[in-house]
PDB file of N, CA and C in Angstrom:
ATOM      1  N   UNK A   1     101.601  78.690 147.529  1.00  0.00           N
ATOM      2  CA  UNK A   1     101.747  78.617 148.964  1.00  0.00           C
ATOM      3  C   UNK A   1     102.731  77.519 149.361  1.00  0.00           C
ATOM      4  N   UNK A   2     102.719  76.420 148.619  1.00  0.00           N
ATOM      5  CA  UNK A   2     103.635  75.324 148.953  1.00  0.00           C
ATOM      6  C   UNK A   2     105.087  75.715 148.675  1.00  0.00           C
ATOM      7  N   UNK A   3     105.303  76.634 147.734  1.00  0.00           N
ATOM      8  CA  UNK A   3     106.658  77.099 147.447  1.00  0.00           C
ATOM      9  C   UNK A   3     107.195  77.897 148.627  1.00  0.00           C
ATOM     10  N   UNK A   4     106.350  78.761 149.195  1.00  0.00           N
ATOM     11  CA  UNK A   4     106.761  79.534 150.372  1.00  0.00           C
ATOM     12  C   UNK A   4     107.063  78.623 151.560  1.00  0.00           C
ATOM     13  N   UNK A   5     106.231  77.603 151.739  1.00  0.00           N
ATOM     14  CA  UNK A   5     106.460  76.655 152.827  1.00  0.00           C
ATOM     15  C   UNK A   5     107.773  75.897 152.607  1.00  0.00           C
ATOM     16  N   UNK A   6     108.063  75.514 151.383  1.00  0.00           N
ATOM     17  CA  UNK A   6     109.299  74.807 151.076  1.00  0.00           C
ATOM     18  C   UNK A   6     110.519  75.693 151.328  1.00  0.00           C
ATOM     19  N   UNK A   7     110.430  76.960 150.936  1.00  0.00           N
ATOM     20  CA  UNK A   7     111.531  77.898 151.173  1.00  0.00           C
ATOM     21  C   UNK A   7     111.729  78.117 152.671  1.00  0.00           C
ATOM     22  N   UNK A   8     110.626  78.284 153.404  1.00  0.00           N
ATOM     23  CA  UNK A   8     110.709  78.453 154.850  1.00  0.00           C
ATOM     24  C   UNK A   8     111.352  77.233 155.510  1.00  0.00           C
ATOM     25  N   UNK A   9     110.914  76.031 155.127  1.00  0.00           N
ATOM     26  CA  UNK A   9     111.483  74.798 155.691  1.00  0.00           C
ATOM     27  C   UNK A   9     112.956  74.662 155.336  1.00  0.00           C
ATOM     28  N   UNK A  10     113.330  75.077 154.150  1.00  0.00           N
ATOM     29  CA  UNK A  10     114.729  75.009 153.732  1.00  0.00           C
ATOM     30  C   UNK A  10     115.604  75.872 154.639  1.00  0.00           C
ATOM     31  N   UNK A  11     115.199  77.121 154.860  1.00  0.00           N
ATOM     32  CA  UNK A  11     115.995  78.014 155.706  1.00  0.00           C
ATOM     33  C   UNK A  11     115.958  77.597 157.170  1.00  0.00           C
ATOM     34  N   UNK A  12     114.825  77.079 157.618  1.00  0.00           N
ATOM     35  CA  UNK A  12     114.751  76.577 158.997  1.00  0.00           C
ATOM     36  C   UNK A  12     115.725  75.416 159.201  1.00  0.00           C
ATOM     37  N   UNK A  13     115.800  74.543 158.218  1.00  0.00           N
ATOM     38  CA  UNK A  13     116.718  73.400 158.287  1.00  0.00           C
ATOM     39  C   UNK A  13     118.173  73.866 158.308  1.00  0.00           C
ATOM     40  N   UNK A  14     118.489  74.896 157.529  1.00  0.00           N
ATOM     41  CA  UNK A  14     119.858  75.414 157.486  1.00  0.00           C
ATOM     42  C   UNK A  14     120.240  76.045 158.822  1.00  0.00           C
ATOM     43  N   UNK A  15     119.358  76.878 159.371  1.00  0.00           N
ATOM     44  CA  UNK A  15     119.709  77.633 160.570  1.00  0.00           C
ATOM     45  C   UNK A  15     119.506  76.854 161.861  1.00  0.00           C
ATOM     46  N   UNK A  16     118.485  76.027 161.935  1.00  0.00           N
ATOM     47  CA  UNK A  16     118.179  75.330 163.179  1.00  0.00           C
ATOM     48  C   UNK A  16     118.547  73.853 163.164  1.00  0.00           C
ATOM     49  N   UNK A  17     118.741  73.283 162.011  1.00  0.00           N
ATOM     50  CA  UNK A  17     119.048  71.863 161.931  1.00  0.00           C
ATOM     51  C   UNK A  17     117.793  71.015 162.031  1.00  0.00           C
ATOM     52  N   UNK A  18     118.001  69.733 162.111  1.00  0.00           N
ATOM     53  CA  UNK A  18     116.882  68.792 162.153  1.00  0.00           C
ATOM     54  C   UNK A  18     116.256  68.809 163.553  1.00  0.00           C
ATOM     55  N   UNK A  19     114.944  68.738 163.605  1.00  0.00           N
ATOM     56  CA  UNK A  19     114.254  68.729 164.900  1.00  0.00           C
ATOM     57  C   UNK A  19     114.101  67.315 165.453  1.00  0.00           C
ATOM     58  N   UNK A  20     114.458  66.310 164.685  1.00  0.00           N
ATOM     59  CA  UNK A  20     114.375  64.894 165.078  1.00  0.00           C
ATOM     60  C   UNK A  20     112.972  64.553 165.574  1.00  0.00           C
ATOM     61  N   UNK A  21     111.976  64.954 164.838  1.00  0.00           N
ATOM     62  CA  UNK A  21     110.599  64.685 165.256  1.00  0.00           C
ATOM     63  C   UNK A  21     110.101  63.320 164.777  1.00  0.00           C
ATOM     64  N   UNK A  22     110.699  62.786 163.733  1.00  0.00           N
ATOM     65  CA  UNK A  22     110.292  61.464 163.234  1.00  0.00           C
ATOM     66  C   UNK A  22     111.394  60.466 163.563  1.00  0.00           C
ATOM     67  N   UNK A  23     111.182  59.658 164.613  1.00  0.00           N
ATOM     68  CA  UNK A  23     112.188  58.711 165.079  1.00  0.00           C
ATOM     69  C   UNK A  23     111.675  57.285 164.959  1.00  0.00           C
ATOM     70  N   UNK A  24     112.600  56.349 164.807  1.00  0.00           N
ATOM     71  CA  UNK A  24     112.246  54.933 164.801  1.00  0.00           C
ATOM     72  C   UNK A  24     112.023  54.476 166.234  1.00  0.00           C
ATOM     73  N   UNK A  25     111.683  53.215 166.377  1.00  0.00           N
ATOM     74  CA  UNK A  25     111.589  52.655 167.720  1.00  0.00           C
ATOM     75  C   UNK A  25     113.001  52.463 168.268  1.00  0.00           C
ATOM     76  N   UNK A  26     113.127  52.099 169.515  1.00  0.00           N
ATOM     77  CA  UNK A  26     114.445  51.919 170.138  1.00  0.00           C
ATOM     78  C   UNK A  26     115.028  50.584 169.699  1.00  0.00           C
ATOM     79  N   UNK A  27     116.264  50.619 169.213  1.00  0.00           N
ATOM     80  CA  UNK A  27     116.999  49.423 168.809  1.00  0.00           C
ATOM     81  C   UNK A  27     118.134  49.164 169.796  1.00  0.00           C
ATOM     82  N   UNK A  28     118.487  47.901 169.982  1.00  0.00           N
ATOM     83  CA  UNK A  28     119.709  47.547 170.692  1.00  0.00           C
ATOM     84  C   UNK A  28     120.476  46.599 169.785  1.00  0.00           C
ATOM     85  N   UNK A  29     121.566  47.119 169.231  1.00  0.00           N
ATOM     86  CA  UNK A  29     122.415  46.337 168.334  1.00  0.00           C
ATOM     87  C   UNK A  29     123.864  46.607 168.690  1.00  0.00           C
ATOM     88  N   UNK A  30     124.665  45.560 168.721  1.00  0.00           N
ATOM     89  CA  UNK A  30     126.091  45.664 169.010  1.00  0.00           C
ATOM     90  C   UNK A  30     126.341  46.420 170.311  1.00  0.00           C
ATOM     91  N   UNK A  31     125.569  46.088 171.334  1.00  0.00           N
ATOM     92  CA  UNK A  31     125.674  46.661 172.680  1.00  0.00           C
ATOM     93  C   UNK A  31     125.462  48.167 172.710  1.00  0.00           C
ATOM     94  N   UNK A  32     124.692  48.706 171.767  1.00  0.00           N
ATOM     95  CA  UNK A  32     124.320  50.111 171.757  1.00  0.00           C
ATOM     96  C   UNK A  32     122.809  50.193 171.618  1.00  0.00           C
ATOM     97  N   UNK A  33     122.192  51.027 172.436  1.00  0.00           N
ATOM     98  CA  UNK A  33     120.753  51.237 172.392  1.00  0.00           C
ATOM     99  C   UNK A  33     120.517  52.627 171.824  1.00  0.00           C
ATOM    100  N   UNK A  34     119.745  52.712 170.744  1.00  0.00           N
ATOM    101  CA  UNK A  34     119.574  54.000 170.074  1.00  0.00           C
ATOM    102  C   UNK A  34     118.287  54.046 169.269  1.00  0.00           C
ATOM    103  N   UNK A  35     117.921  55.264 168.871  1.00  0.00           N
ATOM    104  CA  UNK A  35     116.859  55.515 167.905  1.00  0.00           C
ATOM    105  C   UNK A  35     117.490  56.256 166.742  1.00  0.00           C
ATOM    106  N   UNK A  36     116.866  56.188 165.584  1.00  0.00           N
ATOM    107  CA  UNK A  36     117.394  56.841 164.389  1.00  0.00           C
ATOM    108  C   UNK A  36     116.364  57.844 163.884  1.00  0.00           C
ATOM    109  N   UNK A  37     116.836  59.038 163.555  1.00  0.00           N
ATOM    110  CA  UNK A  37     115.968  60.054 162.962  1.00  0.00           C
ATOM    111  C   UNK A  37     115.709  59.671 161.504  1.00  0.00           C
ATOM    112  N   UNK A  38     114.444  59.636 161.116  1.00  0.00           N
ATOM    113  CA  UNK A  38     114.101  59.248 159.748  1.00  0.00           C
ATOM    114  C   UNK A  38     114.371  60.351 158.739  1.00  0.00           C
ATOM    115  N   UNK A  39     114.557  61.582 159.204  1.00  0.00           N
ATOM    116  CA  UNK A  39     114.813  62.689 158.287  1.00  0.00           C
ATOM    117  C   UNK A  39     116.298  62.851 157.984  1.00  0.00           C
ATOM    118  N   UNK A  40     117.150  62.800 159.020  1.00  0.00           N
ATOM    119  CA  UNK A  40     118.576  63.077 158.794  1.00  0.00           C
ATOM    120  C   UNK A  40     119.477  61.862 159.022  1.00  0.00           C
ATOM    121  N   UNK A  41     118.976  60.797 159.665  1.00  0.00           N
ATOM    122  CA  UNK A  41     119.767  59.595 159.869  1.00  0.00           C
ATOM    123  C   UNK A  41     120.637  59.611 161.109  1.00  0.00           C
ATOM    124  N   UNK A  42     120.500  60.604 161.968  1.00  0.00           N
ATOM    125  CA  UNK A  42     121.323  60.690 163.174  1.00  0.00           C
ATOM    126  C   UNK A  42     120.894  59.623 164.179  1.00  0.00           C
ATOM    127  N   UNK A  43     121.894  58.977 164.818  1.00  0.00           N
ATOM    128  CA  UNK A  43     121.641  58.011 165.881  1.00  0.00           C
ATOM    129  C   UNK A  43     121.567  58.763 167.199  1.00  0.00           C
ATOM    130  N   UNK A  44     120.507  58.569 167.949  1.00  0.00           N
ATOM    131  CA  UNK A  44     120.339  59.187 169.261  1.00  0.00           C
ATOM    132  C   UNK A  44     120.445  58.068 170.279  1.00  0.00           C
ATOM    133  N   UNK A  45     121.531  58.074 171.058  1.00  0.00           N
ATOM    134  CA  UNK A  45     121.789  56.991 171.993  1.00  0.00           C
ATOM    135  C   UNK A  45     120.863  57.072 173.200  1.00  0.00           C
ATOM    136  N   UNK A  46     120.425  55.901 173.669  1.00  0.00           N
ATOM    137  CA  UNK A  46     119.511  55.779 174.796  1.00  0.00           C
ATOM    138  C   UNK A  46     120.141  54.901 175.865  1.00  0.00           C
ATOM    139  N   UNK A  47     119.695  55.075 177.084  1.00  0.00           N
ATOM    140  CA  UNK A  47     120.113  54.220 178.188  1.00  0.00           C
ATOM    141  C   UNK A  47     119.340  52.910 178.096  1.00  0.00           C
ATOM    142  N   UNK A  48     120.015  51.760 178.143  1.00  0.00           N
ATOM    143  CA  UNK A  48     119.284  50.497 178.067  1.00  0.00           C
ATOM    144  C   UNK A  48     118.490  50.200 179.339  1.00  0.00           C
ATOM    145  N   UNK A  49     118.814  50.872 180.437  1.00  0.00           N
ATOM    146  CA  UNK A  49     118.124  50.630 181.707  1.00  0.00           C
ATOM    147  C   UNK A  49     116.856  51.464 181.806  1.00  0.00           C
ATOM    148  N   UNK A  50     116.983  52.776 181.566  1.00  0.00           N
ATOM    149  CA  UNK A  50     115.844  53.679 181.733  1.00  0.00           C
ATOM    150  C   UNK A  50     115.100  53.965 180.437  1.00  0.00           C
ATOM    151  N   UNK A  51     115.694  53.611 179.300  1.00  0.00           N
ATOM    152  CA  UNK A  51     115.130  53.877 177.974  1.00  0.00           C
ATOM    153  C   UNK A  51     114.843  55.363 177.763  1.00  0.00           C
ATOM    154  N   UNK A  52     115.762  56.190 178.235  1.00  0.00           N
ATOM    155  CA  UNK A  52     115.706  57.633 178.025  1.00  0.00           C
ATOM    156  C   UNK A  52     116.968  58.053 177.279  1.00  0.00           C
ATOM    157  N   UNK A  53     116.901  59.154 176.539  1.00  0.00           N
ATOM    158  CA  UNK A  53     118.105  59.610 175.824  1.00  0.00           C
ATOM    159  C   UNK A  53     119.238  59.922 176.804  1.00  0.00           C
ATOM    160  N   UNK A  54     120.460  59.595 176.387  1.00  0.00           N
ATOM    161  CA  UNK A  54     121.615  59.864 177.225  1.00  0.00           C
ATOM    162  C   UNK A  54     121.952  61.348 177.193  1.00  0.00           C
ATOM    163  N   UNK A  55     122.409  61.864 178.319  1.00  0.00           N
ATOM    164  CA  UNK A  55     122.814  63.265 178.386  1.00  0.00           C
ATOM    165  C   UNK A  55     124.204  63.413 177.782  1.00  0.00           C
ATOM    166  N   UNK A  56     124.617  64.632 177.550  1.00  0.00           N
ATOM    167  CA  UNK A  56     125.947  64.889 176.992  1.00  0.00           C
ATOM    168  C   UNK A  56     127.029  64.379 177.943  1.00  0.00           C
ATOM    169  N   UNK A  57     126.820  64.517 179.239  1.00  0.00           N
ATOM    170  CA  UNK A  57     127.795  64.043 180.220  1.00  0.00           C
ATOM    171  C   UNK A  57     127.929  62.523 180.152  1.00  0.00           C
ATOM    172  N   UNK A  58     126.808  61.816 180.065  1.00  0.00           N
ATOM    173  CA  UNK A  58     126.861  60.363 179.967  1.00  0.00           C
ATOM    174  C   UNK A  58     127.555  59.923 178.681  1.00  0.00           C
ATOM    175  N   UNK A  59     127.325  60.639 177.589  1.00  0.00           N
ATOM    176  CA  UNK A  59     127.989  60.301 176.325  1.00  0.00           C
ATOM    177  C   UNK A  59     129.501  60.486 176.432  1.00  0.00           C
ATOM    178  N   UNK A  60     129.949  61.583 177.079  1.00  0.00           N
ATOM    179  CA  UNK A  60     131.391  61.810 177.257  1.00  0.00           C
ATOM    180  C   UNK A  60     132.006  60.716 178.118  1.00  0.00           C
ATOM    181  N   UNK A  61     131.318  60.304 179.184  1.00  0.00           N
ATOM    182  CA  UNK A  61     131.836  59.249 180.060  1.00  0.00           C
ATOM    183  C   UNK A  61     131.930  57.912 179.314  1.00  0.00           C
ATOM    184  N   UNK A  62     130.929  57.613 178.488  1.00  0.00           N
ATOM    185  CA  UNK A  62     130.966  56.366 177.723  1.00  0.00           C
ATOM    186  C   UNK A  62     132.118  56.373 176.736  1.00  0.00           C
ATOM    187  N   UNK A  63     132.333  57.502 176.067  1.00  0.00           N
ATOM    188  CA  UNK A  63     133.422  57.615 175.100  1.00  0.00           C
ATOM    189  C   UNK A  63     134.774  57.485 175.792  1.00  0.00           C
ATOM    190  N   UNK A  64     134.929  58.111 176.948  1.00  0.00           N
ATOM    191  CA  UNK A  64     136.181  58.029 177.692  1.00  0.00           C
ATOM    192  C   UNK A  64     136.423  56.612 178.199  1.00  0.00           C
ATOM    193  N   UNK A  65     135.386  55.926 178.608  1.00  0.00           N
ATOM    194  CA  UNK A  65     135.539  54.554 179.093  1.00  0.00           C
ATOM    195  C   UNK A  65     135.950  53.623 177.957  1.00  0.00           C
ATOM    196  N   UNK A  66     135.401  53.855 176.757  1.00  0.00           N
ATOM    197  CA  UNK A  66     135.750  53.017 175.609  1.00  0.00           C
ATOM    198  C   UNK A  66     137.196  53.215 175.179  1.00  0.00           C
ATOM    199  N   UNK A  67     137.697  54.437 175.252  1.00  0.00           N
ATOM    200  CA  UNK A  67     139.060  54.708 174.803  1.00  0.00           C
ATOM    201  C   UNK A  67     140.087  54.495 175.898  1.00  0.00           C
ATOM    202  N   UNK A  68     139.635  54.214 177.116  1.00  0.00           N
ATOM    203  CA  UNK A  68     140.566  53.957 178.215  1.00  0.00           C
ATOM    204  C   UNK A  68     141.052  55.219 178.898  1.00  0.00           C
ATOM    205  N   UNK A  69     140.437  56.356 178.629  1.00  0.00           N
ATOM    206  CA  UNK A  69     140.852  57.610 179.239  1.00  0.00           C
ATOM    207  C   UNK A  69     140.219  57.830 180.602  1.00  0.00           C
ATOM    208  N   UNK A  70     139.198  57.075 180.940  1.00  0.00           N
ATOM    209  CA  UNK A  70     138.495  57.256 182.198  1.00  0.00           C
ATOM    210  C   UNK A  70     139.261  56.549 183.297  1.00  0.00           C
ATOM    211  N   UNK A  71     139.684  57.310 184.291  1.00  0.00           N
ATOM    212  CA  UNK A  71     140.414  56.751 185.424  1.00  0.00           C
ATOM    213  C   UNK A  71     139.632  57.051 186.686  1.00  0.00           C
ATOM    214  N   UNK A  72     139.252  56.002 187.381  1.00  0.00           N
ATOM    215  CA  UNK A  72     138.516  56.180 188.624  1.00  0.00           C
ATOM    216  C   UNK A  72     139.516  56.086 189.758  1.00  0.00           C
ATOM    217  N   UNK A  73     139.610  57.165 190.517  1.00  0.00           N
ATOM    218  CA  UNK A  73     140.566  57.240 191.607  1.00  0.00           C
ATOM    219  C   UNK A  73     139.860  56.901 192.910  1.00  0.00           C
ATOM    220  N   UNK A  74     140.391  55.932 193.669  1.00  0.00           N
ATOM    221  CA  UNK A  74     139.771  55.623 194.958  1.00  0.00           C
ATOM    222  C   UNK A  74     140.024  56.757 195.948  1.00  0.00           C
ATOM    223  N   UNK A  75     139.051  56.994 196.785  1.00  0.00           N
ATOM    224  CA  UNK A  75     139.176  58.033 197.800  1.00  0.00           C
ATOM    225  C   UNK A  75     139.791  57.393 199.039  1.00  0.00           C
ATOM    226  N   UNK A  76     140.965  57.879 199.403  1.00  0.00           N
ATOM    227  CA  UNK A  76     141.654  57.338 200.571  1.00  0.00           C
ATOM    228  C   UNK A  76     141.339  58.142 201.809  1.00  0.00           C
ATOM    229  N   UNK A  77     141.841  57.657 202.946  1.00  0.00           N
ATOM    230  CA  UNK A  77     141.589  58.364 204.202  1.00  0.00           C
ATOM    231  C   UNK A  77     142.489  59.580 204.333  1.00  0.00           C
ATOM    232  N   UNK A  78     143.652  59.551 203.703  1.00  0.00           N
ATOM    233  CA  UNK A  78     144.552  60.698 203.747  1.00  0.00           C
ATOM    234  C   UNK A  78     144.126  61.736 202.742  1.00  0.00           C
ATOM    235  N   UNK A  79     144.335  63.004 203.079  1.00  0.00           N
ATOM    236  CA  UNK A  79     143.955  64.078 202.162  1.00  0.00           C
ATOM    237  C   UNK A  79     145.208  64.663 201.532  1.00  0.00           C
ATOM    238  N   UNK A  80     145.904  63.841 200.749  1.00  0.00           N
ATOM    239  CA  UNK A  80     147.154  64.276 200.135  1.00  0.00           C
ATOM    240  C   UNK A  80     146.911  65.365 199.095  1.00  0.00           C
ATOM    241  N   UNK A  81     145.757  65.356 198.476  1.00  0.00           N
ATOM    242  CA  UNK A  81     145.474  66.354 197.441  1.00  0.00           C
ATOM    243  C   UNK A  81     145.261  67.740 198.031  1.00  0.00           C
ATOM    244  N   UNK A  82     144.921  67.806 199.302  1.00  0.00           N
ATOM    245  CA  UNK A  82     144.644  69.088 199.918  1.00  0.00           C
ATOM    246  C   UNK A  82     145.845  69.668 200.654  1.00  0.00           C
ATOM    247  N   UNK A  83     146.936  68.914 200.758  1.00  0.00           N
ATOM    248  CA  UNK A  83     148.116  69.403 201.461  1.00  0.00           C
ATOM    249  C   UNK A  83     148.908  70.321 200.551  1.00  0.00           C
ATOM    250  N   UNK A  84     149.483  71.396 201.105  1.00  0.00           N
ATOM    251  CA  UNK A  84     150.257  72.318 200.266  1.00  0.00           C
ATOM    252  C   UNK A  84     151.545  71.667 199.778  1.00  0.00           C
ATOM    253  N   UNK A  85     151.984  72.087 198.613  1.00  0.00           N
ATOM    254  CA  UNK A  85     153.221  71.588 198.026  1.00  0.00           C
ATOM    255  C   UNK A  85     154.384  72.282 198.709  1.00  0.00           C
ATOM    256  N   UNK A  86     155.419  71.499 199.073  1.00  0.00           N
ATOM    257  CA  UNK A  86     156.572  72.075 199.760  1.00  0.00           C
ATOM    258  C   UNK A  86     157.328  72.996 198.822  1.00  0.00           C
ATOM    259  N   UNK A  87     157.880  74.048 199.365  1.00  0.00           N
ATOM    260  CA  UNK A  87     158.654  74.975 198.575  1.00  0.00           C
ATOM    261  C   UNK A  87     157.862  76.158 198.058  1.00  0.00           C
ATOM    262  N   UNK A  88     156.542  76.086 198.145  1.00  0.00           N
ATOM    263  CA  UNK A  88     155.719  77.192 197.704  1.00  0.00           C
ATOM    264  C   UNK A  88     155.057  77.842 198.910  1.00  0.00           C
ATOM    265  N   UNK A  89     155.007  79.121 198.897  1.00  0.00           N
ATOM    266  CA  UNK A  89     154.410  79.858 199.984  1.00  0.00           C
ATOM    267  C   UNK A  89     152.914  79.942 199.777  1.00  0.00           C
ATOM    268  N   UNK A  90     152.167  79.709 200.864  1.00  0.00           N
ATOM    269  CA  UNK A  90     150.711  79.787 200.757  1.00  0.00           C
ATOM    270  C   UNK A  90     150.190  81.166 201.081  1.00  0.00           C
ATOM    271  N   UNK A  91     151.116  82.097 201.414  1.00  0.00           N
ATOM    272  CA  UNK A  91     150.711  83.464 201.723  1.00  0.00           C
ATOM    273  C   UNK A  91     150.705  84.270 200.442  1.00  0.00           C
ATOM    274  N   UNK A  92     149.620  84.947 200.185  1.00  0.00           N
ATOM    275  CA  UNK A  92     149.505  85.730 198.948  1.00  0.00           C
ATOM    276  C   UNK A  92     149.941  87.153 199.166  1.00  0.00           C
TER     277      UNK A  92
END
């Protein structure tokens, strides 16, 4: 019976990946807050304020901020982005 369970777990791991059910406590090292899966070793980043896992959007924003790709544009009173470009007809 244990052989069948081992085979089942093997194929489940291949097709579904790690379920990250066995995690360490939350660590904060080198300005990163995370937990580590004891089965596969993956770092799961957490918010240091709320102590909840970061969403994919938050991870992308953090990565962009670190590499300098994140540009925050101030919102002005003029709506230059909504004005039509000269030389192009707006009639379809």
